[in-house]
Each structure stands twice: as C-alpha cells, then as structure tokens.
C-alpha cells in the first residue's frame, strides 16, 4: 500500500499535477477574483467563502454601477439575504429613500420659525413724527403708551404678526417698550412663540430714543418668556 501511494505521487508530480494549494476547488477565505457577468458585457467579482472551498456568486454586474454588494441582496460570504439600499449597506435604508431606519415616514417635518423682519425704520419714523410721545412714553412717570401703540399699529399694516407683549408671560402686565413678532402657527393671542424686540432704549430715563434690539435670547437666558397680545386694543 505504501509503495502504491508513493508511486501515485511520483506519477502525478512527473505529469505536472497541481499542488494541494493550487486545487481549483480550494481558495483563501476572503480572496476576491474576477468573474464573467451574464451576457458577457461586464466583469464582476466573487469572494472565497469562509470555508475556503468555493467562491460565492458573481456580483457587481449591475449596468448602473456596482456598490460592492451582490445585486440580488445575497451576501457572497454567508449566503444570507438582507435589504440592500442604494448606498450598498445591508439592512440600512438609503438616504435617497426619503426616510430613516425606524421612521414610518408619516410624520411631517418640523416647521421652521419665520425669520425676524427688520422694521427699525418704522420705529424711527414714529419717533421723528411724534418726539413728544417718545419723551412721554414712561407710564410709571405719568406718561402714556401712545408711542408704543402707534409703532405696533404701523407694524401691523405691514404684517399682522406684530403685537404687544405681556411681560414675562404675565397676563395684564403690559411691556411699555416691547413689541412681539409671532413666528409660529396657530392662535397668536397669548402665544409664547415670539421674537421680543425692545423699541425704546433708555425708556423711563431722561433721553429715551427709538431702538430695534432683539432681546429674545436674553429673555430665554433669564428663564422667562414673552407672550403675544393685543391687550384688547384696536391696532
């Protein structure tokens, strides 16, 4: 028996037989080689299986371009099937699909706040026309809100999102030098979805002046809010 095996080996070697590592039926796990695609117009690739005993299916034969994954959704190494998105990532939704993993796609996108208009020119014009109203705008010192009301009246002629402000969200406590812009949706009265604008600098001081100062973030940083209102006024 031993002599017969030795004789067979010598005959195979003499005839140029392939060594065991060159066996066409064996390969290095993870090795990749070129392969012909159906139709013969394209060249794909196939990967050696983990056992080293066969190459997987030929992939990369999609005429639109290969992502490096089997075109039928089958993993060339494991033979398992998953969902392949347009990005070529197994089991992940593609960015082009308009959704994300775990999202039903039924929820509307969040509404972006409207940008804050710049209406300083309106405040400035009222100050030029009625400097006496501006000088007499401190109610705590016996003045009136005529200047503030006229500013809001003219602002609302341009955009009815403008209104007055309940100070710190306290209904009945009207700000004397603030206007609000409602940037959100829904009912405006008593809404806190507002930009808060100071229109009188130096208010209740010896020389009040027209201003346009966005104090929205400063108000939030103080852990309080502004609240939109017309305070029952016909503005």
Protein backbone atom coordinates (compact mmCIF):
# COMPACT_ATOMS: atom_id res chain seq x y z
CA UNK A 1 0.00 0.00 0.00
CA UNK A 2 2.80 2.38 0.92
CA UNK A 3 4.66 1.74 -2.27
CA UNK A 4 1.49 2.20 -4.30
CA UNK A 5 0.88 5.69 -2.73
CA UNK A 6 4.48 6.72 -3.39
CA UNK A 7 4.18 5.56 -6.98
CA UNK A 8 0.99 7.55 -7.49
CA UNK A 9 2.59 10.70 -6.07
CA UNK A 10 5.62 10.38 -8.32
CA UNK A 11 3.44 9.88 -11.39
CA UNK A 12 1.34 12.93 -10.53
CA UNK A 13 4.44 15.07 -9.96
CA UNK A 14 6.02 13.92 -13.18
CA UNK A 15 2.90 14.75 -15.13
CA UNK A 16 2.77 18.34 -13.69
CA UNK A 17 -0.13 17.85 -11.29
CA UNK A 18 -1.12 20.89 -9.21
CA UNK A 19 -0.06 21.08 -5.54
CA UNK A 20 -2.87 20.94 -2.96
CA UNK A 21 -2.84 24.74 -2.55
CA UNK A 22 -3.48 25.13 -6.30
CA UNK A 23 -6.57 22.95 -6.26
CA UNK A 24 -9.22 24.80 -8.35
CA UNK A 25 -11.78 23.72 -5.77
CA UNK A 26 -9.94 25.46 -2.92
CA UNK A 27 -9.29 29.19 -2.25
CA UNK A 28 -8.16 31.53 0.50
CA UNK A 29 -11.12 32.74 2.62
CA UNK A 30 -11.89 36.36 1.72
CA UNK A 31 -9.94 36.13 -1.55
CA UNK A 32 -11.61 38.04 -4.41
CA UNK A 33 -11.31 37.25 -8.09
CA UNK A 34 -12.81 38.48 -11.33
CA UNK A 35 -15.72 36.67 -12.91
CA UNK A 36 -17.79 37.00 -16.04
CA UNK A 37 -21.24 38.62 -15.79
CA UNK A 38 -24.30 37.24 -17.56
CA UNK A 39 -24.29 38.37 -21.17
CA UNK A 40 -20.52 38.69 -21.22
CA UNK A 41 -20.56 42.51 -21.44
CA UNK A 42 -19.30 43.21 -17.89
CA UNK A 43 -16.79 41.76 -15.46
CA UNK A 44 -17.82 41.20 -11.88
CA UNK A 45 -16.13 39.76 -8.80
CA UNK A 46 -16.64 36.86 -6.43
CA UNK A 47 -15.30 36.20 -2.93
CA UNK A 48 -13.95 32.98 -1.47
CA UNK A 49 -16.22 31.57 1.24
CA UNK A 50 -15.12 31.27 4.86
CA UNK A 51 -14.54 27.53 4.49
CA UNK A 52 -12.13 28.09 1.60
CA UNK A 53 -13.95 25.51 -0.51
CA UNK A 54 -15.83 27.66 -3.03
CA UNK A 55 -16.26 31.17 -4.47
CA UNK A 56 -19.54 32.97 -3.94
CA UNK A 57 -21.85 34.34 -6.61
CA UNK A 58 -20.59 36.85 -9.15
CA UNK A 59 -21.59 40.38 -8.09
CA UNK A 60 -21.05 43.87 -9.44
CA UNK A 61 -22.90 43.09 -12.64
CA UNK A 62 -25.46 45.90 -12.34
CA UNK A 63 -25.12 48.05 -15.51
CA UNK A 64 -25.98 51.16 -13.44
CA UNK A 65 -22.85 50.62 -11.34
CA UNK A 66 -21.82 48.29 -8.55
CA UNK A 67 -21.72 49.19 -4.89
CA UNK A 68 -19.58 46.18 -3.98
CA UNK A 69 -22.53 44.06 -2.77
CA UNK A 70 -24.37 41.22 -4.54
CA UNK A 71 -27.03 42.69 -6.78
CA UNK A 72 -29.73 40.28 -5.57
CA UNK A 73 -29.26 41.19 -1.91
CA UNK A 74 -27.41 37.94 -1.05
CA UNK A 75 -24.22 38.10 0.97
CA UNK A 76 -21.46 36.43 -1.08
CA UNK A 77 -19.69 35.20 2.05
CA UNK A 78 -22.58 33.91 4.17
CA UNK A 79 -25.37 33.27 1.67
CA UNK A 80 -27.81 35.21 3.84
CA UNK A 81 -30.23 37.72 2.40
CA UNK A 82 -30.74 41.26 3.66
CA UNK A 83 -32.19 44.57 2.48
CA UNK A 84 -29.71 46.46 0.33
CA UNK A 85 -30.29 50.20 -0.06
CA UNK A 86 -28.88 52.41 -2.78
CA UNK A 87 -25.84 53.11 -0.62
CA UNK A 88 -24.96 49.40 -0.66
CA UNK A 89 -25.27 48.98 3.11
CA UNK A 90 -27.05 45.75 4.09
CA UNK A 91 -30.05 46.30 6.35
CA UNK A 92 -29.87 50.13 6.27
CA UNK A 93 -32.32 52.41 4.50
CA UNK A 94 -30.81 54.55 1.75
CA UNK A 95 -30.66 58.30 2.02
CA UNK A 96 -32.46 58.56 -1.30
CA UNK A 97 -35.46 56.64 0.01
CA UNK A 98 -36.74 59.72 1.84
CA UNK A 99 -36.83 58.02 5.24
CA UNK A 100 -34.65 56.67 8.00
CA UNK A 101 -34.43 53.41 9.88
CA UNK A 102 -37.35 53.08 12.27
CA UNK A 103 -39.26 56.00 10.75
CA UNK A 104 -42.69 55.46 9.29
CA UNK A 105 -42.35 58.48 7.03
CA UNK A 106 -45.77 59.71 8.14
CA UNK A 107 -44.56 62.46 10.47
CA UNK A 108 -44.36 65.93 8.88
CA UNK A 109 -41.04 67.76 9.12
CA UNK A 110 -40.79 70.34 11.93
CA UNK A 111 -41.94 73.84 10.99
CA UNK A 112 -39.08 76.32 10.91
CA UNK A 113 -39.73 79.63 12.70
CA UNK A 114 -40.28 82.58 10.40
CA UNK A 115 -37.30 84.95 10.22
CA UNK A 116 -37.45 88.18 12.19
CA UNK A 117 -38.19 91.19 9.95
CA UNK A 118 -36.12 94.34 10.42
CA UNK A 119 -38.60 97.18 10.95
CA UNK A 120 -36.44 99.75 12.71
CA UNK A 121 -37.36 102.30 10.05
CA UNK A 122 -40.98 102.21 11.28
CA UNK A 123 -39.95 102.94 14.88
CA UNK A 124 -37.61 105.69 13.72
CA UNK A 125 -40.33 107.31 11.61
CA UNK A 126 -42.80 107.40 14.50
CA UNK A 127 -40.10 108.96 16.71
CA UNK A 128 -39.46 111.67 14.11
CA UNK A 129 -43.16 112.44 13.77
CA UNK A 130 -44.04 112.27 17.49
CA UNK A 131 -40.96 113.03 19.64
CA UNK A 132 -43.29 114.18 22.40
CA UNK A 133 -44.91 110.73 22.56
CA UNK A 134 -41.47 109.14 22.83
CA UNK A 135 -40.36 111.51 25.60
CA UNK A 136 -43.63 110.86 27.44
CA UNK A 137 -43.64 107.07 27.00
CA UNK A 138 -42.95 106.07 30.62
CA UNK A 139 -46.31 105.19 32.18
CA UNK A 140 -44.73 104.83 35.64
CA UNK A 141 -43.85 108.53 35.45
CA UNK A 142 -47.29 109.64 34.32
CA UNK A 143 -46.77 109.08 30.60
CA UNK A 144 -48.79 107.14 28.01
CA UNK A 145 -48.36 104.28 25.59
CA UNK A 146 -49.25 106.38 22.54
CA UNK A 147 -45.79 105.97 21.02
CA UNK A 148 -45.77 102.18 21.53
CA UNK A 149 -49.33 101.76 20.23
CA UNK A 150 -48.59 103.80 17.10
CA UNK A 151 -45.48 101.73 16.38
CA UNK A 152 -47.47 98.50 16.64
CA UNK A 153 -50.32 99.95 14.56
CA UNK A 154 -47.93 100.75 11.70
CA UNK A 155 -46.08 97.47 12.00
CA UNK A 156 -49.37 95.58 11.70
CA UNK A 157 -50.14 97.46 8.50
CA UNK A 158 -47.14 95.61 7.06
CA UNK A 159 -47.58 92.28 8.85
CA UNK A 160 -50.32 91.36 11.33
CA UNK A 161 -47.97 89.02 13.19
CA UNK A 162 -46.78 92.08 15.13
CA UNK A 163 -48.28 92.73 18.55
CA UNK A 164 -47.69 93.87 22.11
CA UNK A 165 -46.08 91.85 24.89
CA UNK A 166 -47.21 90.52 28.25
CA UNK A 167 -44.08 90.96 30.35
CA UNK A 168 -42.59 87.61 31.43
CA UNK A 169 -45.79 85.96 30.23
CA UNK A 170 -47.87 87.55 32.98
CA UNK A 171 -51.26 88.44 31.52
CA UNK A 172 -52.17 92.01 32.41
CA UNK A 173 -48.57 93.21 32.86
CA UNK A 174 -48.01 95.05 29.57
CA UNK A 175 -44.46 95.86 28.50
CA UNK A 176 -44.11 99.59 27.88
CA UNK A 177 -41.22 99.43 25.38
CA UNK A 178 -41.51 95.98 23.76
CA UNK A 179 -43.17 94.62 20.62
CA UNK A 180 -43.57 90.93 19.75
CA UNK A 181 -43.47 89.11 16.42
CA UNK A 182 -45.37 85.81 16.33
CA UNK A 183 -43.21 83.38 14.32
CA UNK A 184 -45.24 80.22 14.91
CA UNK A 185 -48.52 78.72 13.76
CA UNK A 186 -51.94 78.72 15.39
CA UNK A 187 -53.56 81.22 17.70
CA UNK A 188 -51.45 84.31 18.36
CA UNK A 189 -53.09 85.75 21.45
CA UNK A 190 -51.11 84.54 24.50
CA UNK A 191 -48.66 82.60 22.32
CA UNK A 192 -45.06 82.42 23.52
CA UNK A 193 -43.72 81.62 20.02
CA UNK A 194 -42.46 85.15 19.63
CA UNK A 195 -39.46 87.32 18.90
CA UNK A 196 -39.17 90.04 21.56
CA UNK A 197 -37.98 93.46 20.38
CA UNK A 198 -37.08 96.49 22.51
CA UNK A 199 -38.16 99.61 20.59
CA UNK A 200 -37.23 102.28 23.17
CA UNK A 201 -33.71 102.48 24.55
CA UNK A 202 -33.35 104.49 27.76
CA UNK A 203 -37.02 104.08 28.50
CA UNK A 204 -38.09 105.98 31.64
CA UNK A 205 -34.75 107.78 31.51
CA UNK A 206 -34.04 111.43 30.68
CA UNK A 207 -33.50 110.78 26.97
CA UNK A 208 -35.44 107.84 25.51
CA UNK A 209 -34.61 107.02 21.89
CA UNK A 210 -36.02 104.85 19.12
CA UNK A 211 -34.40 101.41 19.04
CA UNK A 212 -34.57 97.94 17.48
CA UNK A 213 -32.94 95.46 19.86
CA UNK A 214 -33.70 91.74 19.70
CA UNK A 215 -33.93 90.60 23.33
CA UNK A 216 -35.43 87.19 22.60
CA UNK A 217 -32.40 85.16 23.63
CA UNK A 218 -31.68 87.38 26.60
CA UNK A 219 -35.24 86.76 27.79
CA UNK A 220 -34.87 82.98 27.43
CA UNK A 221 -31.49 83.08 29.16
CA UNK A 222 -33.24 84.74 32.10
CA UNK A 223 -35.56 81.68 32.27
CA UNK A 224 -38.63 83.66 31.29
CA UNK A 225 -40.74 84.26 28.19
CA UNK A 226 -42.55 86.88 26.21
CA UNK A 227 -46.24 86.48 25.38
CA UNK A 228 -48.01 87.93 22.34
CA UNK A 229 -51.11 90.09 22.87
CA UNK A 230 -53.10 92.97 21.54
CA UNK A 231 -54.32 93.68 25.07
CA UNK A 232 -57.80 94.32 23.70
CA UNK A 233 -56.55 97.28 21.64
CA UNK A 234 -57.72 98.08 18.11
CA UNK A 235 -54.28 98.16 16.49
